[in-house]
C-alpha atoms as a PDB file:
ATOM      1  CA  MET A   1     -50.436  69.075  68.471  1.00  0.00           C
ATOM      2  CA  SER A   2     -49.969  67.528  65.027  1.00  0.00           C
ATOM      3  CA  PHE A   3     -50.959  64.073  63.782  1.00  0.00           C
ATOM      4  CA  VAL A   4     -47.303  63.030  63.941  1.00  0.00           C
ATOM      5  CA  SER A   5     -46.809  64.358  67.468  1.00  0.00           C
ATOM      6  CA  GLU A   6     -49.929  62.585  68.700  1.00  0.00           C
ATOM      7  CA  HIS A   7     -49.150  59.277  67.027  1.00  0.00           C
ATOM      8  CA  LEU A   8     -47.826  56.515  69.301  1.00  0.00           C
ATOM      9  CA  ILE A   9     -44.762  56.022  67.096  1.00  0.00           C
ATOM     10  CA  ASN A  10     -43.597  59.502  68.062  1.00  0.00           C
ATOM     11  CA  ASN A  11     -42.993  58.236  71.623  1.00  0.00           C
ATOM     12  CA  ARG A  12     -40.142  56.030  70.407  1.00  0.00           C
ATOM     13  CA  TRP A  13     -39.035  57.904  67.278  1.00  0.00           C
ATOM     14  CA  PRO A  14     -39.789  61.576  68.010  1.00  0.00           C
ATOM     15  CA  ALA A  15     -40.018  63.940  65.072  1.00  0.00           C
ATOM     16  CA  SER A  16     -37.829  67.030  65.066  1.00  0.00           C
ATOM     17  CA  ASN A  17     -40.128  68.630  62.497  1.00  0.00           C
ATOM     18  CA  PRO A  18     -43.564  66.981  62.570  1.00  0.00           C
ATOM     19  CA  ASP A  19     -44.764  69.194  59.722  1.00  0.00           C
ATOM     20  CA  ILE A  20     -42.746  67.297  57.088  1.00  0.00           C
ATOM     21  CA  LEU A  21     -42.965  63.722  55.874  1.00  0.00           C
ATOM     22  CA  GLN A  22     -41.658  61.158  58.341  1.00  0.00           C
ATOM     23  CA  LEU A  23     -39.872  58.017  57.122  1.00  0.00           C
ATOM     24  CA  TYR A  24     -39.461  55.023  59.435  1.00  0.00           C
ATOM     25  CA  SER A  25     -37.062  52.588  57.836  1.00  0.00           C
ATOM     26  CA  PHE A  26     -33.769  50.692  57.735  1.00  0.00           C
ATOM     27  CA  PRO A  27     -31.331  50.497  54.787  1.00  0.00           C
ATOM     28  CA  THR A  28     -32.385  47.102  53.438  1.00  0.00           C
ATOM     29  CA  PRO A  29     -33.276  46.698  49.738  1.00  0.00           C
ATOM     30  CA  ASN A  30     -36.915  47.369  50.573  1.00  0.00           C
ATOM     31  CA  GLY A  31     -36.118  50.201  52.944  1.00  0.00           C
ATOM     32  CA  VAL A  32     -33.906  52.199  50.597  1.00  0.00           C
ATOM     33  CA  LYS A  33     -36.541  52.200  47.857  1.00  0.00           C
ATOM     34  CA  VAL A  34     -38.339  54.987  49.678  1.00  0.00           C
ATOM     35  CA  SER A  35     -35.279  56.999  50.713  1.00  0.00           C
ATOM     36  CA  ILE A  36     -33.965  56.830  47.140  1.00  0.00           C
ATOM     37  CA  ALA A  37     -37.302  58.047  45.795  1.00  0.00           C
ATOM     38  CA  LEU A  38     -37.453  60.865  48.326  1.00  0.00           C
ATOM     39  CA  GLU A  39     -33.917  61.965  47.479  1.00  0.00           C
ATOM     40  CA  GLU A  40     -34.662  61.871  43.749  1.00  0.00           C
ATOM     41  CA  ILE A  41     -37.899  63.819  44.199  1.00  0.00           C
ATOM     42  CA  GLY A  42     -36.411  66.356  46.594  1.00  0.00           C
ATOM     43  CA  LEU A  43     -39.373  66.257  48.969  1.00  0.00           C
ATOM     44  CA  PRO A  44     -38.496  67.403  52.513  1.00  0.00           C
ATOM     45  CA  TYR A  45     -38.557  64.496  54.946  1.00  0.00           C
ATOM     46  CA  GLU A  46     -37.167  63.259  58.231  1.00  0.00           C
ATOM     47  CA  ALA A  47     -35.719  59.739  58.477  1.00  0.00           C
ATOM     48  CA  HIS A  48     -35.907  57.542  61.574  1.00  0.00           C
ATOM     49  CA  THR A  49     -33.830  54.375  61.945  1.00  0.00           C
ATOM     50  CA  VAL A  50     -36.063  51.452  62.859  1.00  0.00           C
ATOM     51  CA  LYS A  51     -33.891  48.426  63.488  1.00  0.00           C
ATOM     52  CA  LEU A  52     -35.349  45.118  62.394  1.00  0.00           C
ATOM     53  CA  ASN A  53     -35.756  43.917  65.971  1.00  0.00           C
ATOM     54  CA  GLU A  54     -37.834  47.020  66.741  1.00  0.00           C
ATOM     55  CA  THR A  55     -40.620  46.398  64.237  1.00  0.00           C
ATOM     56  CA  THR A  56     -42.668  44.398  66.754  1.00  0.00           C
ATOM     57  CA  THR A  57     -42.723  47.172  69.344  1.00  0.00           C
ATOM     58  CA  PRO A  58     -46.135  48.675  70.173  1.00  0.00           C
ATOM     59  CA  GLU A  59     -45.023  52.022  68.773  1.00  0.00           C
ATOM     60  CA  PHE A  60     -44.115  50.654  65.345  1.00  0.00           C
ATOM     61  CA  LEU A  61     -47.094  48.299  65.198  1.00  0.00           C
ATOM     62  CA  ALA A  62     -49.326  51.311  65.755  1.00  0.00           C
ATOM     63  CA  LEU A  63     -48.095  52.566  62.363  1.00  0.00           C
ATOM     64  CA  ASN A  64     -47.628  49.256  60.542  1.00  0.00           C
ATOM     65  CA  PRO A  65     -49.512  46.249  61.927  1.00  0.00           C
ATOM     66  CA  ASN A  66     -47.570  44.079  59.455  1.00  0.00           C
ATOM     67  CA  ASN A  67     -44.347  44.926  61.376  1.00  0.00           C
ATOM     68  CA  LYS A  68     -42.197  45.562  58.303  1.00  0.00           C
ATOM     69  CA  ILE A  69     -40.143  48.579  57.263  1.00  0.00           C
ATOM     70  CA  PRO A  70     -40.539  51.010  55.575  1.00  0.00           C
ATOM     71  CA  ALA A  71     -43.518  53.090  56.625  1.00  0.00           C
ATOM     72  CA  ILE A  72     -44.292  56.793  56.377  1.00  0.00           C
ATOM     73  CA  ILE A  73     -46.492  59.490  57.803  1.00  0.00           C
ATOM     74  CA  ASP A  74     -47.198  62.371  55.456  1.00  0.00           C
ATOM     75  CA  PRO A  75     -48.723  65.283  57.415  1.00  0.00           C
ATOM     76  CA  ASP A  76     -49.767  66.816  54.086  1.00  0.00           C
ATOM     77  CA  GLY A  77     -51.549  63.915  52.477  1.00  0.00           C
ATOM     78  CA  PRO A  78     -54.508  63.916  50.081  1.00  0.00           C
ATOM     79  CA  GLY A  79     -56.777  66.870  50.672  1.00  0.00           C
ATOM     80  CA  GLY A  80     -54.273  68.280  53.131  1.00  0.00           C
ATOM     81  CA  GLN A  81     -55.055  65.508  55.601  1.00  0.00           C
ATOM     82  CA  PRO A  82     -52.339  63.358  57.232  1.00  0.00           C
ATOM     83  CA  LEU A  83     -51.700  59.937  55.740  1.00  0.00           C
ATOM     84  CA  ALA A  84     -49.986  56.951  57.338  1.00  0.00           C
ATOM     85  CA  LEU A  85     -48.830  54.366  54.807  1.00  0.00           C
ATOM     86  CA  TRP A  86     -46.823  51.141  54.694  1.00  0.00           C
ATOM     87  CA  GLU A  87     -45.656  48.658  52.027  1.00  0.00           C
ATOM     88  CA  SER A  88     -42.752  49.962  49.955  1.00  0.00           C
ATOM     89  CA  GLY A  89     -44.501  49.581  46.607  1.00  0.00           C
ATOM     90  CA  ALA A  90     -47.574  51.456  47.804  1.00  0.00           C
ATOM     91  CA  ILE A  91     -45.362  54.216  49.184  1.00  0.00           C
ATOM     92  CA  LEU A  92     -43.496  54.557  45.870  1.00  0.00           C
ATOM     93  CA  ILE A  93     -46.763  54.868  43.964  1.00  0.00           C
ATOM     94  CA  TYR A  94     -48.078  57.402  46.466  1.00  0.00           C
ATOM     95  CA  LEU A  95     -44.959  59.579  46.291  1.00  0.00           C
ATOM     96  CA  ALA A  96     -44.972  59.499  42.491  1.00  0.00           C
ATOM     97  CA  GLN A  97     -48.636  60.490  42.364  1.00  0.00           C
ATOM     98  CA  LYS A  98     -48.196  63.179  45.013  1.00  0.00           C
ATOM     99  CA  THR A  99     -45.308  64.892  43.256  1.00  0.00           C
ATOM    100  CA  GLY A 100     -45.756  63.987  39.598  1.00  0.00           C
ATOM    101  CA  LYS A 101     -42.205  62.649  39.538  1.00  0.00           C
ATOM    102  CA  LEU A 102     -40.649  59.244  38.873  1.00  0.00           C
ATOM    103  CA  MET A 103     -43.740  58.151  36.972  1.00  0.00           C
ATOM    104  CA  PRO A 104     -44.302  58.577  33.215  1.00  0.00           C
ATOM    105  CA  ALA A 105     -47.095  60.900  32.172  1.00  0.00           C
ATOM    106  CA  ASN A 106     -47.979  58.755  29.167  1.00  0.00           C
ATOM    107  CA  PRO A 107     -50.668  56.251  30.240  1.00  0.00           C
ATOM    108  CA  ALA A 108     -49.060  53.299  28.449  1.00  0.00           C
ATOM    109  CA  ASP A 109     -45.629  54.054  29.921  1.00  0.00           C
ATOM    110  CA  LYS A 110     -47.203  54.508  33.333  1.00  0.00           C
ATOM    111  CA  ALA A 111     -48.830  51.087  33.042  1.00  0.00           C
ATOM    112  CA  HIS A 112     -45.468  49.583  32.123  1.00  0.00           C
ATOM    113  CA  ALA A 113     -43.774  51.254  35.093  1.00  0.00           C
ATOM    114  CA  LEU A 114     -46.391  49.711  37.377  1.00  0.00           C
ATOM    115  CA  GLN A 115     -45.933  46.373  35.635  1.00  0.00           C
ATOM    116  CA  TRP A 116     -42.225  46.321  36.467  1.00  0.00           C
ATOM    117  CA  LEU A 117     -42.921  47.513  39.995  1.00  0.00           C
ATOM    118  CA  MET A 118     -45.203  44.499  40.449  1.00  0.00           C
ATOM    119  CA  PHE A 119     -42.469  42.308  38.905  1.00  0.00           C
ATOM    120  CA  GLN A 120     -40.268  43.340  41.793  1.00  0.00           C
ATOM    121  CA  MET A 121     -42.913  43.107  44.488  1.00  0.00           C
ATOM    122  CA  GLY A 122     -44.106  39.661  43.454  1.00  0.00           C
ATOM    123  CA  GLY A 123     -40.904  38.206  42.041  1.00  0.00           C
ATOM    124  CA  VAL A 124     -37.483  39.782  42.512  1.00  0.00           C
ATOM    125  CA  GLY A 125     -37.925  40.807  46.141  1.00  0.00           C
ATOM    126  CA  PRO A 126     -39.387  37.563  47.501  1.00  0.00           C
ATOM    127  CA  MET A 127     -37.154  35.263  45.435  1.00  0.00           C
ATOM    128  CA  PHE A 128     -33.914  37.151  46.072  1.00  0.00           C
ATOM    129  CA  GLY A 129     -34.802  37.483  49.741  1.00  0.00           C
ATOM    130  CA  GLN A 130     -35.398  33.745  50.107  1.00  0.00           C
ATOM    131  CA  TYR A 131     -32.163  33.028  48.264  1.00  0.00           C
ATOM    132  CA  GLY A 132     -30.353  35.239  50.776  1.00  0.00           C
ATOM    133  CA  TYR A 133     -32.028  33.466  53.688  1.00  0.00           C
ATOM    134  CA  PHE A 134     -31.063  29.978  52.502  1.00  0.00           C
ATOM    135  CA  SER A 135     -27.567  30.862  51.269  1.00  0.00           C
ATOM    136  CA  VAL A 136     -26.307  33.424  53.797  1.00  0.00           C
ATOM    137  CA  PHE A 137     -28.570  33.773  56.811  1.00  0.00           C
ATOM    138  CA  ALA A 138     -30.216  31.304  59.207  1.00  0.00           C
ATOM    139  CA  GLY A 139     -31.508  29.021  56.473  1.00  0.00           C
ATOM    140  CA  SER A 140     -27.951  28.308  55.324  1.00  0.00           C
ATOM    141  CA  GLU A 141     -27.711  25.801  58.193  1.00  0.00           C
ATOM    142  CA  ILE A 142     -30.278  23.583  56.465  1.00  0.00           C
ATOM    143  CA  GLU A 143     -28.449  20.734  54.741  1.00  0.00           C
ATOM    144  CA  ASP A 144     -31.137  20.048  52.137  1.00  0.00           C
ATOM    145  CA  PRO A 145     -29.910  21.900  49.002  1.00  0.00           C
ATOM    146  CA  ARG A 146     -33.325  22.109  47.348  1.00  0.00           C
ATOM    147  CA  PRO A 147     -34.540  25.406  48.883  1.00  0.00           C
ATOM    148  CA  ARG A 148     -31.349  27.211  47.898  1.00  0.00           C
ATOM    149  CA  GLU A 149     -31.395  25.711  44.410  1.00  0.00           C
ATOM    150  CA  ARG A 150     -35.049  26.634  43.971  1.00  0.00           C
ATOM    151  CA  TYR A 151     -34.498  30.319  44.721  1.00  0.00           C
ATOM    152  CA  GLN A 152     -31.229  30.442  42.801  1.00  0.00           C
ATOM    153  CA  GLN A 153     -32.955  29.112  39.684  1.00  0.00           C
ATOM    154  CA  GLU A 154     -35.893  31.469  40.038  1.00  0.00           C
ATOM    155  CA  GLY A 155     -33.513  34.391  40.589  1.00  0.00           C
ATOM    156  CA  ARG A 156     -31.698  33.479  37.385  1.00  0.00           C
ATOM    157  CA  ARG A 157     -34.995  33.267  35.498  1.00  0.00           C
ATOM    158  CA  LEU A 158     -36.083  36.710  36.677  1.00  0.00           C
ATOM    159  CA  LEU A 159     -32.716  38.200  35.773  1.00  0.00           C
ATOM    160  CA  ALA A 160     -32.976  36.687  32.297  1.00  0.00           C
ATOM    161  CA  VAL A 161     -36.284  38.525  31.850  1.00  0.00           C
ATOM    162  CA  LEU A 162     -34.582  41.788  32.831  1.00  0.00           C
ATOM    163  CA  GLU A 163     -31.578  41.099  30.605  1.00  0.00           C
ATOM    164  CA  LYS A 164     -33.729  40.664  27.520  1.00  0.00           C
ATOM    165  CA  HIS A 165     -35.899  43.677  28.296  1.00  0.00           C
ATOM    166  CA  LEU A 166     -32.944  46.012  28.873  1.00  0.00           C
ATOM    167  CA  ALA A 167     -31.213  45.117  25.609  1.00  0.00           C
ATOM    168  CA  ASP A 168     -32.515  48.253  23.883  1.00  0.00           C
ATOM    169  CA  LYS A 169     -33.519  50.455  26.817  1.00  0.00           C
ATOM    170  CA  THR A 170     -31.666  52.874  29.063  1.00  0.00           C
ATOM    171  CA  TYR A 171     -34.023  52.303  31.990  1.00  0.00           C
ATOM    172  CA  LEU A 172     -36.901  49.887  32.469  1.00  0.00           C
ATOM    173  CA  VAL A 173     -39.356  52.285  30.823  1.00  0.00           C
ATOM    174  CA  GLY A 174     -37.280  53.679  27.980  1.00  0.00           C
ATOM    175  CA  ASP A 175     -35.180  56.712  28.816  1.00  0.00           C
ATOM    176  CA  GLU A 176     -37.036  57.711  31.980  1.00  0.00           C
ATOM    177  CA  TYR A 177     -35.894  56.767  35.481  1.00  0.00           C
ATOM    178  CA  THR A 178     -38.971  55.679  37.421  1.00  0.00           C
ATOM    179  CA  ILE A 179     -40.133  53.995  40.601  1.00  0.00           C
ATOM    180  CA  ALA A 180     -39.803  50.707  38.708  1.00  0.00           C
ATOM    181  CA  ASP A 181     -36.022  51.101  38.484  1.00  0.00           C
ATOM    182  CA  ILE A 182     -35.862  52.215  42.106  1.00  0.00           C
ATOM    183  CA  ALA A 183     -37.786  49.143  43.220  1.00  0.00           C
ATOM    184  CA  ILE A 184     -35.543  46.622  41.481  1.00  0.00           C
ATOM    185  CA  TRP A 185     -31.937  47.757  41.365  1.00  0.00           C
ATOM    186  CA  PRO A 186     -31.311  47.774  45.148  1.00  0.00           C
ATOM    187  CA  TRP A 187     -32.048  44.034  45.056  1.00  0.00           C
ATOM    188  CA  ILE A 188     -29.433  43.537  42.317  1.00  0.00           C
ATOM    189  CA  ARG A 189     -26.989  45.365  44.562  1.00  0.00           C
ATOM    190  CA  ALA A 190     -27.934  43.374  47.668  1.00  0.00           C
ATOM    191  CA  ALA A 191     -27.488  40.051  45.897  1.00  0.00           C
ATOM    192  CA  LYS A 192     -24.040  41.124  44.724  1.00  0.00           C
ATOM    193  CA  LEU A 193     -22.701  42.782  47.857  1.00  0.00           C
ATOM    194  CA  PHE A 194     -24.419  40.958  50.705  1.00  0.00           C
ATOM    195  CA  TYR A 195     -25.350  37.542  49.286  1.00  0.00           C
ATOM    196  CA  LYS A 196     -22.202  37.221  47.132  1.00  0.00           C
ATOM    197  CA  ALA A 197     -24.454  35.793  44.439  1.00  0.00           C
ATOM    198  CA  ASP A 198     -22.492  36.875  41.349  1.00  0.00           C
ATOM    199  CA  LYS A 199     -21.792  33.280  40.340  1.00  0.00           C
ATOM    200  CA  ASP A 200     -25.083  31.746  41.448  1.00  0.00           C
ATOM    201  CA  PHE A 201     -27.086  34.406  39.607  1.00  0.00           C
ATOM    202  CA  GLY A 202     -24.724  34.540  36.622  1.00  0.00           C
ATOM    203  CA  TYR A 203     -23.989  38.253  36.790  1.00  0.00           C
ATOM    204  CA  ASP A 204     -21.087  37.891  34.346  1.00  0.00           C
ATOM    205  CA  ASP A 205     -23.601  36.803  31.706  1.00  0.00           C
ATOM    206  CA  LEU A 206     -25.913  39.788  32.238  1.00  0.00           C
ATOM    207  CA  PRO A 207     -24.232  42.779  30.555  1.00  0.00           C
ATOM    208  CA  ASN A 208     -27.483  44.700  30.080  1.00  0.00           C
ATOM    209  CA  VAL A 209     -28.531  44.272  33.699  1.00  0.00           C
ATOM    210  CA  MET A 210     -25.099  45.245  34.959  1.00  0.00           C
ATOM    211  CA  ARG A 211     -24.963  48.299  32.694  1.00  0.00           C
ATOM    212  CA  TRP A 212     -28.389  49.420  33.912  1.00  0.00           C
ATOM    213  CA  TRP A 213     -27.532  48.716  37.544  1.00  0.00           C
ATOM    214  CA  ASN A 214     -24.361  50.802  37.359  1.00  0.00           C
ATOM    215  CA  LEU A 215     -26.246  53.625  35.651  1.00  0.00           C
ATOM    216  CA  CYS A 216     -28.782  53.693  38.488  1.00  0.00           C
ATOM    217  CA  MET A 217     -26.029  53.519  41.113  1.00  0.00           C
ATOM    218  CA  GLU A 218     -24.255  56.514  39.588  1.00  0.00           C
ATOM    219  CA  ARG A 219     -27.187  58.877  40.152  1.00  0.00           C
ATOM    220  CA  PRO A 220     -26.134  61.167  43.044  1.00  0.00           C
ATOM    221  CA  ALA A 221     -29.579  61.309  44.652  1.00  0.00           C
ATOM    222  CA  SER A 222     -29.990  57.541  44.454  1.00  0.00           C
ATOM    223  CA  GLU A 223     -26.530  57.039  45.901  1.00  0.00           C
ATOM    224  CA  ARG A 224     -27.475  59.248  48.860  1.00  0.00           C
ATOM    225  CA  GLY A 225     -30.660  57.286  49.412  1.00  0.00           C
ATOM    226  CA  LEU A 226     -28.713  54.053  49.895  1.00  0.00           C
ATOM    227  CA  LEU A 227     -27.354  55.397  53.202  1.00  0.00           C
ATOM    228  CA  ILE A 228     -30.664  56.631  54.639  1.00  0.00           C
ATOM    229  CA  PRO A 229     -31.513  56.174  57.388  1.00  0.00           C
ATOM    230  CA  ASP A 230     -28.252  55.676  59.229  1.00  0.00           C
ATOM    231  CA  ARG A 231     -28.081  52.008  60.224  1.00  0.00           C
ATOM    232  CA  ASN A 232     -25.646  52.791  63.059  1.00  0.00           C
ATOM    233  CA  VAL A 233     -27.883  55.123  65.032  1.00  0.00           C
END
């Protein structure tokens, strides 16, 4: 028996090949970060669709007590030992370190890639997510306009930071596509396609952001990652 086969999560999401990395996720902006990275890296993995109402099940909580997707089990972790890991940013860093891909080798560039990853984890993700909640989802029923305005304004501020930074860069860290790009651009996409936030976030006034976003979207491996795992399973 392998670590994956013996893990409680395997009872609900059984692995076909427990010897390769297992991804437990759903195609939200946070979820696709990991599938995009895995597709770009080319590391063999098996994806399991964990619907958002399944994250509080005993099986999933046994892997991630914080009941959020995504999470992984790598049977071949550090020192050849299995590793269970959650939090999308931590997973991106782990995959980059494991494979030597999607992370600059230069120490200064690496630090900058991590800087922009933290920019997403602490800023873009939470602020865009709250904007979506108060403009599209359950929070939209609240009549008080202040929550929506608060997150709209903060979203605009964060996008202005990106717009200025990308004025003379192909990707966030120069010419190299990294986990920093992968962390942020799915949120740009989600705000456009699912929140219909083009006007509220001023996308028409962000040519550098839109150019960068389209460049990321056009990468075949990244495009594949957007559809993994299958939300309709």
